[in-house]
């Protein structure tokens, strides 16, 4: 059974070979793969280590969690497993929620109660001008 370990807060310009030497101090059976940016092909600041031994996994977490590597304190913890079937179901639920939350704009010939009828805009502006110029008795 393979145990997957999340390793985060890797520094920029990080060298995987140099990091492998640190992992080898814990155990030779640990394999590490950094997550790379699709466009730049540089490390995104995290990766995953795998091992077949639970003791090695716990030892790696104890030794490297909070370990300072090139000015960054590493974050090392067990990785949570993804369930692909739940992921699809959750994506469908989220998509449906977004659709329900969206307020639809309905086009209608019915008058909008908030805005004045545009056919009377000229008359309305004349009326406003007359009211503004009218003097109130004191």
Protein backbone atom coordinates (compact mmCIF):
# COMPACT_ATOMS: atom_id res chain seq x y z
CA UNK A 1 0.00 0.00 0.00
CA UNK A 2 1.43 3.34 -1.08
CA UNK A 3 1.29 6.24 1.37
CA UNK A 4 1.14 9.73 -0.15
CA UNK A 5 2.59 12.72 1.72
CA UNK A 6 2.00 16.39 0.87
CA UNK A 7 5.09 18.62 1.02
CA UNK A 8 4.32 22.31 0.72
CA UNK A 9 5.91 25.73 1.02
CA UNK A 10 8.81 24.78 -1.23
CA UNK A 11 11.01 27.78 -2.11
CA UNK A 12 11.14 29.38 -5.55
CA UNK A 13 13.93 28.06 -7.75
CA UNK A 14 13.89 24.84 -5.80
CA UNK A 15 16.12 21.99 -7.06
CA UNK A 16 14.45 18.52 -6.91
CA UNK A 17 17.80 16.69 -6.86
CA UNK A 18 18.96 18.68 -3.85
CA UNK A 19 15.65 17.98 -2.11
CA UNK A 20 15.97 14.24 -2.88
CA UNK A 21 19.21 14.14 -0.89
CA UNK A 22 17.31 15.45 2.14
CA UNK A 23 14.61 12.81 1.65
CA UNK A 24 17.26 10.06 1.36
CA UNK A 25 18.46 10.94 4.88
CA UNK A 26 15.07 9.71 6.11
CA UNK A 27 14.77 6.66 3.84
CA UNK A 28 15.85 5.42 0.42
CA UNK A 29 12.33 4.19 -0.39
CA UNK A 30 10.79 7.67 -0.54
CA UNK A 31 9.99 9.04 -4.00
CA UNK A 32 9.16 12.72 -4.56
CA UNK A 33 7.43 14.49 -7.44
CA UNK A 34 7.03 18.27 -7.54
CA UNK A 35 3.88 19.79 -9.03
CA UNK A 36 4.90 21.96 -11.98
CA UNK A 37 3.23 24.95 -13.61
CA UNK A 38 1.92 24.03 -17.07
CA UNK A 39 3.26 27.13 -18.79
CA UNK A 40 6.57 27.87 -17.05
CA UNK A 41 7.43 24.27 -16.05
CA UNK A 42 8.60 25.59 -12.67
CA UNK A 43 7.60 24.13 -9.30
CA UNK A 44 4.31 25.56 -7.99
CA UNK A 45 5.60 25.42 -4.40
CA UNK A 46 4.42 21.96 -3.44
CA UNK A 47 4.71 18.30 -4.35
CA UNK A 48 3.99 14.78 -3.15
CA UNK A 49 6.23 12.11 -1.71
CA UNK A 50 5.26 8.44 -1.72
CA UNK A 51 6.49 5.55 0.34
CA UNK A 52 5.31 2.01 1.01
CA UNK A 53 6.17 2.03 4.70
CA UNK A 54 4.00 3.78 7.30
CA UNK A 55 7.00 4.20 9.62
CA UNK A 56 8.91 6.03 6.90
CA UNK A 57 5.92 8.29 6.29
CA UNK A 58 5.63 9.20 9.98
CA UNK A 59 9.40 9.70 10.25
CA UNK A 60 9.39 11.97 7.20
CA UNK A 61 6.57 14.08 8.67
CA UNK A 62 8.35 14.35 12.03
CA UNK A 63 11.72 15.31 10.55
CA UNK A 64 10.63 17.67 7.77
CA UNK A 65 7.48 19.40 9.04
CA UNK A 66 8.72 22.89 9.96
CA UNK A 67 12.20 22.11 8.57
CA UNK A 68 13.81 25.19 7.03
CA UNK A 69 14.83 24.57 3.43
CA UNK A 70 16.41 27.52 1.57
CA UNK A 71 14.61 30.09 3.71
CA UNK A 72 11.18 28.40 3.70
CA UNK A 73 9.70 26.32 6.49
CA UNK A 74 8.30 23.19 4.91
CA UNK A 75 4.78 21.96 5.56
CA UNK A 76 4.65 18.17 5.55
CA UNK A 77 1.51 16.12 6.22
CA UNK A 78 -0.37 13.06 5.04
CA UNK A 79 -2.19 13.69 1.79
CA UNK A 80 -5.94 13.17 1.66
CA UNK A 81 -7.13 10.77 -1.00
CA UNK A 82 -9.31 12.04 -3.80
CA UNK A 83 -12.40 10.07 -4.67
CA UNK A 84 -13.01 10.67 -8.37
CA UNK A 85 -16.69 9.63 -8.25
CA UNK A 86 -17.43 12.09 -5.44
CA UNK A 87 -15.50 14.77 -7.25
CA UNK A 88 -17.75 14.46 -10.30
CA UNK A 89 -20.89 14.49 -8.15
CA UNK A 90 -19.69 17.53 -6.19
CA UNK A 91 -18.83 19.34 -9.42
CA UNK A 92 -22.36 18.74 -10.72
CA UNK A 93 -23.87 19.95 -7.44
CA UNK A 94 -21.72 23.10 -7.48
CA UNK A 95 -22.63 23.77 -11.10
CA UNK A 96 -26.35 23.43 -10.27
CA UNK A 97 -25.97 25.75 -7.26
CA UNK A 98 -24.34 28.38 -9.43
CA UNK A 99 -27.21 28.18 -11.87
CA UNK A 100 -29.80 28.56 -9.13
CA UNK A 101 -28.00 31.51 -7.53
CA UNK A 102 -27.82 33.37 -10.83
CA UNK A 103 -30.59 35.93 -11.27
CA UNK A 104 -32.02 35.72 -14.74
CA UNK A 105 -32.87 38.84 -16.69
CA UNK A 106 -36.23 38.49 -18.36
CA UNK A 107 -36.92 40.75 -21.31
CA UNK A 108 -40.49 41.90 -21.43
CA UNK A 109 -42.68 44.56 -22.93
CA UNK A 110 -44.19 45.17 -19.50
CA UNK A 111 -43.28 48.59 -18.04
CA UNK A 112 -40.47 48.67 -15.53
CA UNK A 113 -41.83 50.24 -12.34
CA UNK A 114 -38.41 51.50 -11.24
CA UNK A 115 -37.63 53.60 -14.32
CA UNK A 116 -39.84 56.23 -16.01
CA UNK A 117 -41.37 55.49 -19.37
CA UNK A 118 -38.87 56.71 -22.01
CA UNK A 119 -41.69 58.13 -24.14
CA UNK A 120 -42.28 60.77 -21.47
CA UNK A 121 -38.61 61.62 -20.81
CA UNK A 122 -38.82 65.00 -22.59
CA UNK A 123 -42.00 66.04 -20.77
CA UNK A 124 -40.55 64.84 -17.45
CA UNK A 125 -37.40 66.95 -17.85
CA UNK A 126 -39.55 70.05 -18.64
CA UNK A 127 -41.63 69.42 -15.52
CA UNK A 128 -38.50 69.05 -13.36
CA UNK A 129 -37.16 72.33 -14.75
CA UNK A 130 -40.44 74.15 -14.00
CA UNK A 131 -40.45 72.81 -10.44
CA UNK A 132 -36.82 73.83 -9.89
CA UNK A 133 -37.49 77.39 -11.10
CA UNK A 134 -40.70 77.76 -9.08
CA UNK A 135 -40.35 79.90 -5.95
CA UNK A 136 -42.07 78.84 -2.80
CA UNK A 137 -43.85 81.50 -0.72
CA UNK A 138 -42.07 82.30 2.52
